PDB file of N, CA and C in Angstrom:
ATOM      1  N   MET A   1      -3.990  29.705 -92.786  1.00  0.00           N
ATOM      2  CA  MET A   1      -3.283  30.667 -93.601  1.00  0.00           C
ATOM      3  C   MET A   1      -2.728  31.764 -92.701  1.00  0.00           C
ATOM      4  N   PHE A   2      -1.794  32.508 -93.247  1.00  0.00           N
ATOM      5  CA  PHE A   2      -1.167  33.597 -92.512  1.00  0.00           C
ATOM      6  C   PHE A   2      -0.943  34.760 -93.461  1.00  0.00           C
ATOM      7  N   THR A   3      -0.655  35.905 -92.895  1.00  0.00           N
ATOM      8  CA  THR A   3      -0.425  37.100 -93.708  1.00  0.00           C
ATOM      9  C   THR A   3       1.062  37.222 -94.053  1.00  0.00           C
ATOM     10  N   SER A   4       1.327  38.067 -95.012  1.00  0.00           N
ATOM     11  CA  SER A   4       2.725  38.314 -95.386  1.00  0.00           C
ATOM     12  C   SER A   4       3.478  38.936 -94.209  1.00  0.00           C
ATOM     13  N   ALA A   5       2.811  39.779 -93.428  1.00  0.00           N
ATOM     14  CA  ALA A   5       3.458  40.395 -92.264  1.00  0.00           C
ATOM     15  C   ALA A   5       3.814  39.337 -91.219  1.00  0.00           C
ATOM     16  N   GLN A   6       2.947  38.345 -91.030  1.00  0.00           N
ATOM     17  CA  GLN A   6       3.246  37.264 -90.092  1.00  0.00           C
ATOM     18  C   GLN A   6       4.461  36.468 -90.570  1.00  0.00           C
ATOM     19  N   LEU A   7       4.533  36.211 -91.864  1.00  0.00           N
ATOM     20  CA  LEU A   7       5.664  35.474 -92.420  1.00  0.00           C
ATOM     21  C   LEU A   7       6.964  36.244 -92.199  1.00  0.00           C
ATOM     22  N   ARG A   8       6.961  37.528 -92.506  1.00  0.00           N
ATOM     23  CA  ARG A   8       8.157  38.353 -92.304  1.00  0.00           C
ATOM     24  C   ARG A   8       8.552  38.389 -90.833  1.00  0.00           C
ATOM     25  N   SER A   9       7.556  38.532 -89.965  1.00  0.00           N
ATOM     26  CA  SER A   9       7.823  38.605 -88.526  1.00  0.00           C
ATOM     27  C   SER A   9       8.389  37.300 -87.986  1.00  0.00           C
ATOM     28  N   ALA A  10       7.821  36.183 -88.406  1.00  0.00           N
ATOM     29  CA  ALA A  10       8.304  34.875 -87.941  1.00  0.00           C
ATOM     30  C   ALA A  10       9.748  34.661 -88.374  1.00  0.00           C
ATOM     31  N   ARG A  11      10.042  35.014 -89.611  1.00  0.00           N
ATOM     32  CA  ARG A  11      11.410  34.851 -90.116  1.00  0.00           C
ATOM     33  C   ARG A  11      12.375  35.760 -89.355  1.00  0.00           C
ATOM     34  N   ALA A  12      11.934  36.978 -89.067  1.00  0.00           N
ATOM     35  CA  ALA A  12      12.777  37.921 -88.324  1.00  0.00           C
ATOM     36  C   ALA A  12      13.035  37.431 -86.899  1.00  0.00           C
ATOM     37  N   MET A  13      12.026  36.836 -86.269  1.00  0.00           N
ATOM     38  CA  MET A  13      12.213  36.326 -84.908  1.00  0.00           C
ATOM     39  C   MET A  13      13.314  35.273 -84.861  1.00  0.00           C
ATOM     40  N   LEU A  14      13.415  34.485 -85.917  1.00  0.00           N
ATOM     41  CA  LEU A  14      14.429  33.435 -85.978  1.00  0.00           C
ATOM     42  C   LEU A  14      15.752  33.930 -86.564  1.00  0.00           C
ATOM     43  N   LYS A  15      15.750  35.178 -87.041  1.00  0.00           N
ATOM     44  CA  LYS A  15      16.941  35.774 -87.671  1.00  0.00           C
ATOM     45  C   LYS A  15      17.416  34.939 -88.862  1.00  0.00           C
ATOM     46  N   TRP A  16      16.447  34.465 -89.643  1.00  0.00           N
ATOM     47  CA  TRP A  16      16.742  33.669 -90.834  1.00  0.00           C
ATOM     48  C   TRP A  16      16.684  34.544 -92.079  1.00  0.00           C
ATOM     49  N   SER A  17      17.574  34.301 -92.997  1.00  0.00           N
ATOM     50  CA  SER A  17      17.516  34.927 -94.315  1.00  0.00           C
ATOM     51  C   SER A  17      16.468  34.188 -95.144  1.00  0.00           C
ATOM     52  N   LEU A  18      16.120  34.767 -96.274  1.00  0.00           N
ATOM     53  CA  LEU A  18      15.216  34.067 -97.192  1.00  0.00           C
ATOM     54  C   LEU A  18      15.834  32.750 -97.645  1.00  0.00           C
ATOM     55  N   GLU A  19      17.136  32.774 -97.851  1.00  0.00           N
ATOM     56  CA  GLU A  19      17.837  31.574 -98.306  1.00  0.00           C
ATOM     57  C   GLU A  19      17.771  30.465 -97.252  1.00  0.00           C
ATOM     58  N   GLU A  20      17.903  30.842 -95.982  1.00  0.00           N
ATOM     59  CA  GLU A  20      17.823  29.858 -94.897  1.00  0.00           C
ATOM     60  C   GLU A  20      16.425  29.245 -94.820  1.00  0.00           C
ATOM     61  N   LEU A  21      15.401  30.073 -94.896  1.00  0.00           N
ATOM     62  CA  LEU A  21      14.036  29.557 -94.873  1.00  0.00           C
ATOM     63  C   LEU A  21      13.779  28.670 -96.088  1.00  0.00           C
ATOM     64  N   SER A  22      14.280  29.053 -97.226  1.00  0.00           N
ATOM     65  CA  SER A  22      14.125  28.245 -98.438  1.00  0.00           C
ATOM     66  C   SER A  22      14.792  26.885 -98.271  1.00  0.00           C
ATOM     67  N   ARG A  23      15.998  26.889 -97.731  1.00  0.00           N
ATOM     68  CA  ARG A  23      16.733  25.635 -97.534  1.00  0.00           C
ATOM     69  C   ARG A  23      15.983  24.708 -96.582  1.00  0.00           C
ATOM     70  N   ARG A  24      15.464  25.268 -95.504  1.00  0.00           N
ATOM     71  CA  ARG A  24      14.781  24.450 -94.495  1.00  0.00           C
ATOM     72  C   ARG A  24      13.409  23.966 -94.936  1.00  0.00           C
ATOM     73  N   SER A  25      12.732  24.755 -95.766  1.00  0.00           N
ATOM     74  CA  SER A  25      11.355  24.432 -96.144  1.00  0.00           C
ATOM     75  C   SER A  25      11.217  23.783 -97.515  1.00  0.00           C
ATOM     76  N   GLY A  26      12.204  23.992 -98.374  1.00  0.00           N
ATOM     77  CA  GLY A  26      12.086  23.506 -99.746  1.00  0.00           C
ATOM     78  C   GLY A  26      11.256  24.415-100.641  1.00  0.00           C
ATOM     79  N   VAL A  27      10.852  25.568-100.112  1.00  0.00           N
ATOM     80  CA  VAL A  27      10.093  26.553-100.884  1.00  0.00           C
ATOM     81  C   VAL A  27      11.103  27.517-101.507  1.00  0.00           C
ATOM     82  N   GLY A  28      10.962  27.783-102.789  1.00  0.00           N
ATOM     83  CA  GLY A  28      11.916  28.625-103.504  1.00  0.00           C
ATOM     84  C   GLY A  28      11.956  30.056-102.995  1.00  0.00           C
ATOM     85  N   THR A  29      13.121  30.680-103.118  1.00  0.00           N
ATOM     86  CA  THR A  29      13.273  32.057-102.643  1.00  0.00           C
ATOM     87  C   THR A  29      12.369  33.018-103.418  1.00  0.00           C
ATOM     88  N   THR A  30      12.138  32.769-104.686  1.00  0.00           N
ATOM     89  CA  THR A  30      11.245  33.626-105.472  1.00  0.00           C
ATOM     90  C   THR A  30       9.835  33.581-104.898  1.00  0.00           C
ATOM     91  N   THR A  31       9.380  32.383-104.541  1.00  0.00           N
ATOM     92  CA  THR A  31       8.054  32.234-103.933  1.00  0.00           C
ATOM     93  C   THR A  31       8.003  32.932-102.591  1.00  0.00           C
ATOM     94  N   LEU A  32       9.041  32.777-101.793  1.00  0.00           N
ATOM     95  CA  LEU A  32       9.076  33.419-100.483  1.00  0.00           C
ATOM     96  C   LEU A  32       9.064  34.941-100.614  1.00  0.00           C
ATOM     97  N   LYS A  33       9.809  35.486-101.562  1.00  0.00           N
ATOM     98  CA  LYS A  33       9.811  36.936-101.793  1.00  0.00           C
ATOM     99  C   LYS A  33       8.417  37.414-102.185  1.00  0.00           C
ATOM    100  N   ARG A  34       7.746  36.637-103.055  1.00  0.00           N
ATOM    101  CA  ARG A  34       6.390  36.988-103.481  1.00  0.00           C
ATOM    102  C   ARG A  34       5.433  36.943-102.297  1.00  0.00           C
ATOM    103  N   PHE A  35       5.547  35.910-101.472  1.00  0.00           N
ATOM    104  CA  PHE A  35       4.703  35.789-100.281  1.00  0.00           C
ATOM    105  C   PHE A  35       4.916  36.974 -99.348  1.00  0.00           C
ATOM    106  N   GLU A  36       6.167  37.341 -99.106  1.00  0.00           N
ATOM    107  CA  GLU A  36       6.463  38.408 -98.152  1.00  0.00           C
ATOM    108  C   GLU A  36       6.094  39.795 -98.658  1.00  0.00           C
ATOM    109  N   SER A  37       6.009  39.975 -99.958  1.00  0.00           N
ATOM    110  CA  SER A  37       5.691  41.299-100.495  1.00  0.00           C
ATOM    111  C   SER A  37       4.207  41.471-100.809  1.00  0.00           C
ATOM    112  N   ALA A  38       3.422  40.437-100.618  1.00  0.00           N
ATOM    113  CA  ALA A  38       1.988  40.492-100.911  1.00  0.00           C
ATOM    114  C   ALA A  38       1.259  41.372 -99.903  1.00  0.00           C
ATOM    115  N   ASP A  39       0.099  41.835-100.303  1.00  0.00           N
ATOM    116  CA  ASP A  39      -0.791  42.539 -99.384  1.00  0.00           C
ATOM    117  C   ASP A  39      -1.632  41.497 -98.659  1.00  0.00           C
ATOM    118  N   ASN A  40      -1.604  41.540 -97.339  1.00  0.00           N
ATOM    119  CA  ASN A  40      -2.382  40.648 -96.489  1.00  0.00           C
ATOM    120  C   ASN A  40      -2.017  39.180 -96.728  1.00  0.00           C
ATOM    121  N   VAL A  41      -2.954  38.333 -97.182  1.00  0.00           N
ATOM    122  CA  VAL A  41      -2.687  36.907 -97.376  1.00  0.00           C
ATOM    123  C   VAL A  41      -2.146  36.694 -98.788  1.00  0.00           C
ATOM    124  N   PRO A  42      -0.965  36.101 -98.899  1.00  0.00           N
ATOM    125  CA  PRO A  42      -0.403  35.867-100.238  1.00  0.00           C
ATOM    126  C   PRO A  42      -1.177  34.783-100.980  1.00  0.00           C
ATOM    127  N   ASN A  43      -1.136  34.839-102.298  1.00  0.00           N
ATOM    128  CA  ASN A  43      -1.713  33.776-103.119  1.00  0.00           C
ATOM    129  C   ASN A  43      -0.701  32.651-103.220  1.00  0.00           C
ATOM    130  N   GLY A  44      -1.170  31.433-103.009  1.00  0.00           N
ATOM    131  CA  GLY A  44      -0.271  30.292-103.107  1.00  0.00           C
ATOM    132  C   GLY A  44      -0.999  28.998-102.810  1.00  0.00           C
ATOM    133  N   HIS A  45      -0.301  27.913-102.998  1.00  0.00           N
ATOM    134  CA  HIS A  45      -0.865  26.599-102.724  1.00  0.00           C
ATOM    135  C   HIS A  45      -1.005  26.395-101.224  1.00  0.00           C
ATOM    136  N   LEU A  46      -2.079  25.770-100.828  1.00  0.00           N
ATOM    137  CA  LEU A  46      -2.323  25.492 -99.414  1.00  0.00           C
ATOM    138  C   LEU A  46      -1.199  24.656 -98.823  1.00  0.00           C
ATOM    139  N   SER A  47      -0.644  23.748 -99.616  1.00  0.00           N
ATOM    140  CA  SER A  47       0.454  22.901 -99.132  1.00  0.00           C
ATOM    141  C   SER A  47       1.686  23.741 -98.777  1.00  0.00           C
ATOM    142  N   THR A  48       1.918  24.828 -99.493  1.00  0.00           N
ATOM    143  CA  THR A  48       3.047  25.709 -99.200  1.00  0.00           C
ATOM    144  C   THR A  48       2.844  26.407 -97.856  1.00  0.00           C
ATOM    145  N   PHE A  49       1.621  26.862 -97.602  1.00  0.00           N
ATOM    146  CA  PHE A  49       1.305  27.473 -96.310  1.00  0.00           C
ATOM    147  C   PHE A  49       1.549  26.479 -95.178  1.00  0.00           C
ATOM    148  N   HIS A  50       1.069  25.243 -95.366  1.00  0.00           N
ATOM    149  CA  HIS A  50       1.238  24.220 -94.330  1.00  0.00           C
ATOM    150  C   HIS A  50       2.716  23.929 -94.076  1.00  0.00           C
ATOM    151  N   THR A  51       3.495  23.835 -95.139  1.00  0.00           N
ATOM    152  CA  THR A  51       4.928  23.564 -95.009  1.00  0.00           C
ATOM    153  C   THR A  51       5.617  24.663 -94.211  1.00  0.00           C
ATOM    154  N   LEU A  52       5.366  25.910 -94.572  1.00  0.00           N
ATOM    155  CA  LEU A  52       6.007  27.025 -93.892  1.00  0.00           C
ATOM    156  C   LEU A  52       5.563  27.115 -92.431  1.00  0.00           C
ATOM    157  N   LYS A  53       4.278  26.960 -92.196  1.00  0.00           N
ATOM    158  CA  LYS A  53       3.783  27.018 -90.820  1.00  0.00           C
ATOM    159  C   LYS A  53       4.420  25.923 -89.968  1.00  0.00           C
ATOM    160  N   LYS A  54       4.542  24.732 -90.516  1.00  0.00           N
ATOM    161  CA  LYS A  54       5.143  23.615 -89.782  1.00  0.00           C
ATOM    162  C   LYS A  54       6.599  23.914 -89.432  1.00  0.00           C
ATOM    163  N   ILE A  55       7.354  24.456 -90.372  1.00  0.00           N
ATOM    164  CA  ILE A  55       8.766  24.795 -90.139  1.00  0.00           C
ATOM    165  C   ILE A  55       8.881  25.787 -88.982  1.00  0.00           C
ATOM    166  N   PHE A  56       8.049  26.821 -88.998  1.00  0.00           N
ATOM    167  CA  PHE A  56       8.101  27.823 -87.934  1.00  0.00           C
ATOM    168  C   PHE A  56       7.651  27.243 -86.597  1.00  0.00           C
ATOM    169  N   GLU A  57       6.604  26.454 -86.613  1.00  0.00           N
ATOM    170  CA  GLU A  57       6.125  25.856 -85.361  1.00  0.00           C
ATOM    171  C   GLU A  57       7.175  24.929 -84.747  1.00  0.00           C
ATOM    172  N   GLU A  58       7.927  24.220 -85.566  1.00  0.00           N
ATOM    173  CA  GLU A  58       9.001  23.357 -85.064  1.00  0.00           C
ATOM    174  C   GLU A  58      10.092  24.170 -84.366  1.00  0.00           C
ATOM    175  N   GLN A  59      10.196  25.449 -84.723  1.00  0.00           N
ATOM    176  CA  GLN A  59      11.201  26.330 -84.119  1.00  0.00           C
ATOM    177  C   GLN A  59      10.635  27.123 -82.937  1.00  0.00           C
ATOM    178  N   GLY A  60       9.373  26.881 -82.598  1.00  0.00           N
ATOM    179  CA  GLY A  60       8.777  27.533 -81.441  1.00  0.00           C
ATOM    180  C   GLY A  60       7.969  28.778 -81.719  1.00  0.00           C
ATOM    181  N   ILE A  61       7.630  29.017 -82.975  1.00  0.00           N
ATOM    182  CA  ILE A  61       6.839  30.184 -83.353  1.00  0.00           C
ATOM    183  C   ILE A  61       5.370  29.774 -83.422  1.00  0.00           C
ATOM    184  N   GLU A  62       4.505  30.620 -82.890  1.00  0.00           N
ATOM    185  CA  GLU A  62       3.067  30.375 -82.934  1.00  0.00           C
ATOM    186  C   GLU A  62       2.394  31.502 -83.720  1.00  0.00           C
ATOM    187  N   PHE A  63       1.544  31.127 -84.661  1.00  0.00           N
ATOM    188  CA  PHE A  63       0.760  32.099 -85.421  1.00  0.00           C
ATOM    189  C   PHE A  63      -0.532  32.338 -84.659  1.00  0.00           C
ATOM    190  N   ILE A  64      -0.850  33.603 -84.400  1.00  0.00           N
ATOM    191  CA  ILE A  64      -2.044  33.919 -83.622  1.00  0.00           C
ATOM    192  C   ILE A  64      -2.962  34.837 -84.413  1.00  0.00           C
ATOM    193  N   GLY A  65      -4.219  34.895 -83.997  1.00  0.00           N
ATOM    194  CA  GLY A  65      -5.199  35.737 -84.663  1.00  0.00           C
ATOM    195  C   GLY A  65      -5.599  35.153 -86.011  1.00  0.00           C
ATOM    196  N   THR A  66      -6.259  35.965 -86.776  1.00  0.00           N
ATOM    197  CA  THR A  66      -6.659  35.598 -88.129  1.00  0.00           C
ATOM    198  C   THR A  66      -6.203  36.708 -89.067  1.00  0.00           C
ATOM    199  N   PRO A  67      -6.184  36.441 -90.359  1.00  0.00           N
ATOM    200  CA  PRO A  67      -5.798  37.519 -91.278  1.00  0.00           C
ATOM    201  C   PRO A  67      -6.667  38.777 -91.139  1.00  0.00           C
ATOM    202  N   ASP A  68      -7.905  38.602 -90.649  1.00  0.00           N
ATOM    203  CA  ASP A  68      -8.815  39.736 -90.512  1.00  0.00           C
ATOM    204  C   ASP A  68      -8.825  40.357 -89.120  1.00  0.00           C
ATOM    205  N   SER A  69      -8.227  39.674 -88.141  1.00  0.00           N
ATOM    206  CA  SER A  69      -8.317  40.169 -86.770  1.00  0.00           C
ATOM    207  C   SER A  69      -7.093  39.802 -85.943  1.00  0.00           C
ATOM    208  N   GLN A  70      -6.303  40.803 -85.608  1.00  0.00           N
ATOM    209  CA  GLN A  70      -5.167  40.672 -84.709  1.00  0.00           C
ATOM    210  C   GLN A  70      -4.161  39.584 -85.118  1.00  0.00           C
ATOM    211  N   ALA A  71      -3.835  39.531 -86.387  1.00  0.00           N
ATOM    212  CA  ALA A  71      -2.849  38.561 -86.877  1.00  0.00           C
ATOM    213  C   ALA A  71      -1.484  38.904 -86.299  1.00  0.00           C
ATOM    214  N   GLY A  72      -0.780  37.892 -85.847  1.00  0.00           N
ATOM    215  CA  GLY A  72       0.551  38.109 -85.297  1.00  0.00           C
ATOM    216  C   GLY A  72       1.281  36.805 -85.110  1.00  0.00           C
ATOM    217  N   VAL A  73       2.460  36.899 -84.539  1.00  0.00           N
ATOM    218  CA  VAL A  73       3.266  35.727 -84.195  1.00  0.00           C
ATOM    219  C   VAL A  73       3.846  35.945 -82.812  1.00  0.00           C
ATOM    220  N   ARG A  74       4.133  34.851 -82.126  1.00  0.00           N
ATOM    221  CA  ARG A  74       4.763  34.938 -80.813  1.00  0.00           C
ATOM    222  C   ARG A  74       5.496  33.626 -80.544  1.00  0.00           C
ATOM    223  N   TRP A  75       6.341  33.660 -79.529  1.00  0.00           N
ATOM    224  CA  TRP A  75       7.000  32.443 -79.096  1.00  0.00           C
ATOM    225  C   TRP A  75       5.968  31.580 -78.369  1.00  0.00           C
ATOM    226  N   LYS A  76       5.991  30.282 -78.606  1.00  0.00           N
ATOM    227  CA  LYS A  76       5.107  29.372 -77.889  1.00  0.00           C
ATOM    228  C   LYS A  76       5.486  29.358 -76.429  1.00  0.00           C
ATOM    229  N   LYS A  77       4.500  29.189 -75.583  1.00  0.00           N
ATOM    230  CA  LYS A  77       4.746  29.131 -74.136  1.00  0.00           C
ATOM    231  C   LYS A  77       5.293  27.773 -73.767  1.00  0.00           C
TER     232      LYS A  77
END
């Protein structure tokens, strides 16, 4: 799982709009808006988290830390 801040940061690193992320992931823009505006870890289906994480990882983004400790994103080495 990841935090809403990690999701926003990953999307910003790629300079993607919500619409672009929705198109690439198949996750609706309403869901993405809800995820990004949540406090800490958004509520959602585990499959949605996996889908989004996979999309970002394919683009070279790495999720680091945990929601409770030093959560962040960075470019993969």
